[in-house]
Amino acid sequence: HHTLGNGNYDAFYKMSQHIVCAHAIITPENC
């Protein structure tokens, strides 16, 4: 749910990149 139904999980992440000055997917290793 809350997805486009095509298994694509980075579409919204990419959309936001134009209106933020930095972005990251946070993991325990890179937090």
All heavy atoms as atom14 arrays in JSON, in Angstrom:
{
  "sequence": "HHTLGNGNYDAFYKMSQHIVCAHAIITPENC",
  "atom14_mask": [
    [1, 1, 1, 1, 1, 1, 1, 1, 1, 1, 0, 0, 0, 0],
    [1, 1, 1, 1, 1, 1, 1, 1, 1, 1, 0, 0, 0, 0],
    [1, 1, 1, 1, 1, 1, 1, 0, 0, 0, 0, 0, 0, 0],
    [1, 1, 1, 1, 1, 1, 1, 1, 0, 0, 0, 0, 0, 0],
    [1, 1, 1, 1, 0, 0, 0, 0, 0, 0, 0, 0, 0, 0],
    [1, 1, 1, 1, 1, 1, 1, 1, 0, 0, 0, 0, 0, 0],
    [1, 1, 1, 1, 0, 0, 0, 0, 0, 0, 0, 0, 0, 0],
    [1, 1, 1, 1, 1, 1, 1, 1, 0, 0, 0, 0, 0, 0],
    [1, 1, 1, 1, 1, 1, 1, 1, 1, 1, 1, 1, 0, 0],
    [1, 1, 1, 1, 1, 1, 1, 1, 0, 0, 0, 0, 0, 0],
    [1, 1, 1, 1, 1, 0, 0, 0, 0, 0, 0, 0, 0, 0],
    [1, 1, 1, 1, 1, 1, 1, 1, 1, 1, 1, 0, 0, 0],
    [1, 1, 1, 1, 1, 1, 1, 1, 1, 1, 1, 1, 0, 0],
    [1, 1, 1, 1, 1, 1, 1, 1, 1, 0, 0, 0, 0, 0],
    [1, 1, 1, 1, 1, 1, 1, 1, 0, 0, 0, 0, 0, 0],
    [1, 1, 1, 1, 1, 1, 0, 0, 0, 0, 0, 0, 0, 0],
    [1, 1, 1, 1, 1, 1, 1, 1, 1, 0, 0, 0, 0, 0],
    [1, 1, 1, 1, 1, 1, 1, 1, 1, 1, 0, 0, 0, 0],
    [1, 1, 1, 1, 1, 1, 1, 1, 0, 0, 0, 0, 0, 0],
    [1, 1, 1, 1, 1, 1, 1, 0, 0, 0, 0, 0, 0, 0],
    [1, 1, 1, 1, 1, 1, 0, 0, 0, 0, 0, 0, 0, 0],
    [1, 1, 1, 1, 1, 0, 0, 0, 0, 0, 0, 0, 0, 0],
    [1, 1, 1, 1, 1, 1, 1, 1, 1, 1, 0, 0, 0, 0],
    [1, 1, 1, 1, 1, 0, 0, 0, 0, 0, 0, 0, 0, 0],
    [1, 1, 1, 1, 1, 1, 1, 1, 0, 0, 0, 0, 0, 0],
    [1, 1, 1, 1, 1, 1, 1, 1, 0, 0, 0, 0, 0, 0],
    [1, 1, 1, 1, 1, 1, 1, 0, 0, 0, 0, 0, 0, 0],
    [1, 1, 1, 1, 1, 1, 1, 0, 0, 0, 0, 0, 0, 0],
    [1, 1, 1, 1, 1, 1, 1, 1, 1, 0, 0, 0, 0, 0],
    [1, 1, 1, 1, 1, 1, 1, 1, 0, 0, 0, 0, 0, 0],
    [1, 1, 1, 1, 1, 1, 0, 0, 0, 0, 0, 0, 0, 0]
  ],
  "atom14_positions": [
    [[0.83, -1.21, 0.0], [0.0, 0.0, 0.0], [0.87, 1.26, 0.0], [2.03, 1.23, 0.39], [-0.95, 0.0, 1.21], [-0.25, 0.03, 2.53], [0.4, -1.06, 3.07], [-0.1, 1.04, 3.42], [0.9, -0.73, 4.24], [0.64, 0.53, 4.49], [0.0, 0.0, 0.0], [0.0, 0.0, 0.0], [0.0, 0.0, 0.0], [0.0, 0.0, 0.0]],
    [[0.3, 2.33, -0.44], [0.98, 3.63, -0.59], [2.06, 3.59, -1.68], [2.91, 4.49, -1.71], [1.62, 4.11, 0.73], [0.64, 4.35, 1.83], [-0.7, 4.53, 1.63], [0.83, 4.46, 3.19], [-1.31, 4.73, 2.8], [-0.41, 4.68, 3.75], [0.0, 0.0, 0.0], [0.0, 0.0, 0.0], [0.0, 0.0, 0.0], [0.0, 0.0, 0.0]],
    [[2.05, 2.56, -2.51], [3.0, 2.52, -3.63], [2.23, 2.66, -4.94], [1.0, 2.68, -4.96], [3.81, 1.21, -3.65], [2.95, 0.14, -4.09], [4.39, 0.89, -2.29], [0.0, 0.0, 0.0], [0.0, 0.0, 0.0], [0.0, 0.0, 0.0], [0.0, 0.0, 0.0], [0.0, 0.0, 0.0], [0.0, 0.0, 0.0], [0.0, 0.0, 0.0]],
    [[2.97, 2.72, -6.04], [2.34, 2.82, -7.36], [1.92, 1.45, -7.9], [1.42, 1.35, -9.03], [3.31, 3.49, -8.33], [3.72, 4.93, -7.96], [4.8, 5.43, -8.9], [2.52, 5.86, -7.96], [0.0, 0.0, 0.0], [0.0, 0.0, 0.0], [0.0, 0.0, 0.0], [0.0, 0.0, 0.0], [0.0, 0.0, 0.0], [0.0, 0.0, 0.0]],
    [[2.19, 0.41, -7.13], [1.78, -0.94, -7.54], [2.69, -1.57, -8.57], [2.33, -2.57, -9.19], [0.0, 0.0, 0.0], [0.0, 0.0, 0.0], [0.0, 0.0, 0.0], [0.0, 0.0, 0.0], [0.0, 0.0, 0.0], [0.0, 0.0, 0.0], [0.0, 0.0, 0.0], [0.0, 0.0, 0.0], [0.0, 0.0, 0.0], [0.0, 0.0, 0.0]],
    [[3.89, -1.03, -8.73], [4.82, -1.57, -9.74], [6.17, -1.97, -9.16], [7.11, -2.24, -9.9], [5.02, -0.55, -10.86], [5.56, 0.79, -10.34], [5.88, 0.92, -9.16], [5.65, 1.77, -11.21], [0.0, 0.0, 0.0], [0.0, 0.0, 0.0], [0.0, 0.0, 0.0], [0.0, 0.0, 0.0], [0.0, 0.0, 0.0], [0.0, 0.0, 0.0]],
    [[6.25, -2.01, -7.83], [7.51, -2.41, -7.2], [8.56, -1.32, -7.19], [9.69, -1.57, -6.75], [0.0, 0.0, 0.0], [0.0, 0.0, 0.0], [0.0, 0.0, 0.0], [0.0, 0.0, 0.0], [0.0, 0.0, 0.0], [0.0, 0.0, 0.0], [0.0, 0.0, 0.0], [0.0, 0.0, 0.0], [0.0, 0.0, 0.0], [0.0, 0.0, 0.0]],
    [[8.23, -0.13, -7.66], [9.18, 0.99, -7.69], [9.09, 1.76, -6.37], [8.07, 2.39, -6.09], [8.86, 1.9, -8.88], [9.86, 3.05, -9.0], [10.69, 3.27, -8.13], [9.76, 3.8, -10.09], [0.0, 0.0, 0.0], [0.0, 0.0, 0.0], [0.0, 0.0, 0.0], [0.0, 0.0, 0.0], [0.0, 0.0, 0.0], [0.0, 0.0, 0.0]],
    [[10.17, 1.72, -5.6], [10.16, 2.36, -4.28], [10.99, 3.65, -4.22], [11.09, 4.25, -3.15], [10.68, 1.39, -3.21], [9.64, 0.37, -2.79], [9.5, -0.83, -3.47], [8.78, 0.62, -1.74], [8.54, -1.77, -3.1], [7.81, -0.29, -1.35], [7.7, -1.5, -2.04], [6.74, -2.4, -1.67], [0.0, 0.0, 0.0], [0.0, 0.0, 0.0]],
    [[11.57, 4.06, -5.32], [12.39, 5.27, -5.25], [11.8, 6.44, -6.04], [12.41, 7.5, -6.15], [13.83, 5.01, -5.7], [13.93, 4.61, -7.17], [12.89, 4.48, -7.83], [15.07, 4.42, -7.63], [0.0, 0.0, 0.0], [0.0, 0.0, 0.0], [0.0, 0.0, 0.0], [0.0, 0.0, 0.0], [0.0, 0.0, 0.0], [0.0, 0.0, 0.0]],
    [[10.58, 6.27, -6.59], [9.98, 7.33, -7.41], [9.76, 8.6, -6.59], [10.1, 9.71, -7.03], [8.65, 6.85, -8.0], [0.0, 0.0, 0.0], [0.0, 0.0, 0.0], [0.0, 0.0, 0.0], [0.0, 0.0, 0.0], [0.0, 0.0, 0.0], [0.0, 0.0, 0.0], [0.0, 0.0, 0.0], [0.0, 0.0, 0.0], [0.0, 0.0, 0.0]],
    [[9.21, 8.45, -5.38], [8.91, 9.63, -4.57], [10.19, 10.26, -4.02], [10.3, 11.48, -3.9], [7.96, 9.26, -3.43], [6.79, 8.43, -3.87], [6.42, 7.28, -3.19], [6.05, 8.78, -5.0], [5.35, 6.51, -3.6], [4.98, 8.02, -5.43], [4.62, 6.88, -4.73], [0.0, 0.0, 0.0], [0.0, 0.0, 0.0], [0.0, 0.0, 0.0]],
    [[11.13, 9.4, -3.7], [12.44, 9.87, -3.23], [13.08, 10.75, -4.29], [13.65, 11.82, -4.0], [13.31, 8.66, -2.9], [14.73, 8.94, -2.47], [15.0, 9.78, -1.4], [15.81, 8.32, -3.1], [16.31, 10.01, -0.98], [17.11, 8.54, -2.69], [17.35, 9.39, -1.64], [18.65, 9.61, -1.23], [0.0, 0.0, 0.0], [0.0, 0.0, 0.0]],
    [[12.98, 10.34, -5.55], [13.56, 11.13, -6.65], [12.8, 12.44, -6.86], [13.39, 13.47, -7.19], [13.58, 10.3, -7.94], [14.59, 9.17, -7.93], [14.55, 8.38, -9.23], [15.61, 7.28, -9.24], [15.54, 6.47, -10.5], [0.0, 0.0, 0.0], [0.0, 0.0, 0.0], [0.0, 0.0, 0.0], [0.0, 0.0, 0.0], [0.0, 0.0, 0.0]],
    [[11.48, 12.39, -6.68], [10.69, 13.62, -6.82], [11.16, 14.69, -5.84], [11.26, 15.87, -6.2], [9.21, 13.32, -6.57], [8.53, 12.5, -7.63], [6.78, 12.24, -7.19], [6.3, 11.04, -8.42], [0.0, 0.0, 0.0], [0.0, 0.0, 0.0], [0.0, 0.0, 0.0], [0.0, 0.0, 0.0], [0.0, 0.0, 0.0], [0.0, 0.0, 0.0]],
    [[11.42, 14.3, -4.63], [11.79, 15.27, -3.59], [13.16, 15.88, -3.81], [13.45, 16.95, -3.27], [11.75, 14.6, -2.22], [10.43, 14.3, -1.84], [0.0, 0.0, 0.0], [0.0, 0.0, 0.0], [0.0, 0.0, 0.0], [0.0, 0.0, 0.0], [0.0, 0.0, 0.0], [0.0, 0.0, 0.0], [0.0, 0.0, 0.0], [0.0, 0.0, 0.0]],
    [[14.0, 15.22, -4.56], [15.39, 15.68, -4.68], [15.52, 17.05, -5.34], [16.52, 17.73, -5.14], [16.21, 14.63, -5.44], [16.41, 13.36, -4.63], [17.08, 12.24, -5.4], [17.71, 12.49, -6.43], [16.96, 11.01, -4.91], [0.0, 0.0, 0.0], [0.0, 0.0, 0.0], [0.0, 0.0, 0.0], [0.0, 0.0, 0.0], [0.0, 0.0, 0.0]],
    [[14.51, 17.48, -6.07], [14.57, 18.79, -6.73], [14.25, 19.94, -5.77], [14.54, 21.1, -6.09], [13.58, 18.82, -7.9], [13.89, 17.81, -8.96], [14.87, 17.98, -9.91], [13.34, 16.59, -9.21], [14.91, 16.93, -10.7], [14.0, 16.07, -10.3], [0.0, 0.0, 0.0], [0.0, 0.0, 0.0], [0.0, 0.0, 0.0], [0.0, 0.0, 0.0]],
    [[13.65, 19.64, -4.62], [13.24, 20.71, -3.71], [13.83, 20.54, -2.31], [13.29, 21.05, -1.34], [11.7, 20.78, -3.63], [11.09, 19.43, -3.28], [11.13, 21.31, -4.95], [9.6, 19.5, -3.01], [0.0, 0.0, 0.0], [0.0, 0.0, 0.0], [0.0, 0.0, 0.0], [0.0, 0.0, 0.0], [0.0, 0.0, 0.0], [0.0, 0.0, 0.0]],
    [[14.92, 19.8, -2.23], [15.72, 19.74, -1.01], [17.18, 19.96, -1.4], [17.56, 19.77, -2.55], [15.56, 18.39, -0.27], [14.12, 18.21, 0.21], [15.99, 17.22, -1.14], [0.0, 0.0, 0.0], [0.0, 0.0, 0.0], [0.0, 0.0, 0.0], [0.0, 0.0, 0.0], [0.0, 0.0, 0.0], [0.0, 0.0, 0.0], [0.0, 0.0, 0.0]],
    [[17.98, 20.39, -0.44], [19.39, 20.62, -0.76], [20.26, 19.41, -0.47], [21.44, 19.37, -0.87], [19.91, 21.84, 0.0], [19.98, 21.67, 1.79], [0.0, 0.0, 0.0], [0.0, 0.0, 0.0], [0.0, 0.0, 0.0], [0.0, 0.0, 0.0], [0.0, 0.0, 0.0], [0.0, 0.0, 0.0], [0.0, 0.0, 0.0], [0.0, 0.0, 0.0]],
    [[19.71, 18.39, 0.21], [20.44, 17.15, 0.46], [19.42, 16.07, 0.81], [18.33, 16.36, 1.3], [21.45, 17.32, 1.59], [0.0, 0.0, 0.0], [0.0, 0.0, 0.0], [0.0, 0.0, 0.0], [0.0, 0.0, 0.0], [0.0, 0.0, 0.0], [0.0, 0.0, 0.0], [0.0, 0.0, 0.0], [0.0, 0.0, 0.0], [0.0, 0.0, 0.0]],
    [[19.79, 14.81, 0.56], [18.86, 13.71, 0.78], [19.64, 12.43, 1.04], [20.79, 12.29, 0.6], [17.94, 13.54, -0.43], [18.69, 13.5, -1.74], [19.28, 12.36, -2.24], [18.98, 14.48, -2.62], [19.88, 12.63, -3.39], [19.72, 13.92, -3.64], [0.0, 0.0, 0.0], [0.0, 0.0, 0.0], [0.0, 0.0, 0.0], [0.0, 0.0, 0.0]],
    [[19.03, 11.51, 1.74], [19.68, 10.22, 2.0], [18.65, 9.21, 2.48], [17.64, 9.57, 3.11], [20.77, 10.37, 3.06], [0.0, 0.0, 0.0], [0.0, 0.0, 0.0], [0.0, 0.0, 0.0], [0.0, 0.0, 0.0], [0.0, 0.0, 0.0], [0.0, 0.0, 0.0], [0.0, 0.0, 0.0], [0.0, 0.0, 0.0], [0.0, 0.0, 0.0]],
    [[18.89, 7.94, 2.15], [18.17, 6.83, 2.77], [19.02, 6.39, 3.96], [20.18, 6.0, 3.8], [17.97, 5.65, 1.8], [17.27, 6.13, 0.52], [17.18, 4.54, 2.47], [15.88, 6.66, 0.73], [0.0, 0.0, 0.0], [0.0, 0.0, 0.0], [0.0, 0.0, 0.0], [0.0, 0.0, 0.0], [0.0, 0.0, 0.0], [0.0, 0.0, 0.0]],
    [[18.46, 6.45, 5.13], [19.23, 6.23, 6.36], [19.23, 4.74, 6.73], [18.19, 4.08, 6.76], [18.65, 7.06, 7.51], [18.57, 8.54, 7.13], [19.52, 6.9, 8.76], [19.89, 9.19, 6.79], [0.0, 0.0, 0.0], [0.0, 0.0, 0.0], [0.0, 0.0, 0.0], [0.0, 0.0, 0.0], [0.0, 0.0, 0.0], [0.0, 0.0, 0.0]],
    [[20.41, 4.24, 7.05], [20.6, 2.87, 7.53], [21.33, 2.91, 8.86], [21.9, 3.96, 9.22], [21.42, 2.05, 6.52], [22.77, 2.55, 6.53], [20.84, 2.15, 5.11], [0.0, 0.0, 0.0], [0.0, 0.0, 0.0], [0.0, 0.0, 0.0], [0.0, 0.0, 0.0], [0.0, 0.0, 0.0], [0.0, 0.0, 0.0], [0.0, 0.0, 0.0]],
    [[21.35, 1.79, 9.6], [22.13, 1.78, 10.85], [23.61, 2.08, 10.61], [24.27, 2.68, 11.46], [21.92, 0.36, 11.38], [20.61, -0.07, 10.81], [20.56, 0.55, 9.45], [0.0, 0.0, 0.0], [0.0, 0.0, 0.0], [0.0, 0.0, 0.0], [0.0, 0.0, 0.0], [0.0, 0.0, 0.0], [0.0, 0.0, 0.0], [0.0, 0.0, 0.0]],
    [[24.12, 1.68, 9.45], [25.54, 1.87, 9.16], [25.88, 3.32, 8.82], [26.95, 3.83, 9.19], [25.97, 0.99, 7.99], [25.96, -0.51, 8.29], [24.58, -1.14, 8.2], [23.62, -0.44, 7.73], [24.41, -2.31, 8.6], [0.0, 0.0, 0.0], [0.0, 0.0, 0.0], [0.0, 0.0, 0.0], [0.0, 0.0, 0.0], [0.0, 0.0, 0.0]],
    [[25.0, 4.01, 8.1], [25.35, 5.37, 7.66], [24.68, 6.47, 8.49], [24.85, 7.65, 8.21], [25.0, 5.57, 6.18], [23.49, 5.63, 5.92], [22.68, 5.78, 6.81], [23.12, 5.5, 4.65], [0.0, 0.0, 0.0], [0.0, 0.0, 0.0], [0.0, 0.0, 0.0], [0.0, 0.0, 0.0], [0.0, 0.0, 0.0], [0.0, 0.0, 0.0]],
    [[23.91, 6.08, 9.49], [23.08, 7.04, 10.21], [23.86, 8.23, 10.76], [23.47, 9.39, 10.56], [22.35, 6.33, 11.36], [21.32, 7.42, 12.35], [0.0, 0.0, 0.0], [0.0, 0.0, 0.0], [0.0, 0.0, 0.0], [0.0, 0.0, 0.0], [0.0, 0.0, 0.0], [0.0, 0.0, 0.0], [0.0, 0.0, 0.0], [0.0, 0.0, 0.0]]
  ]
}
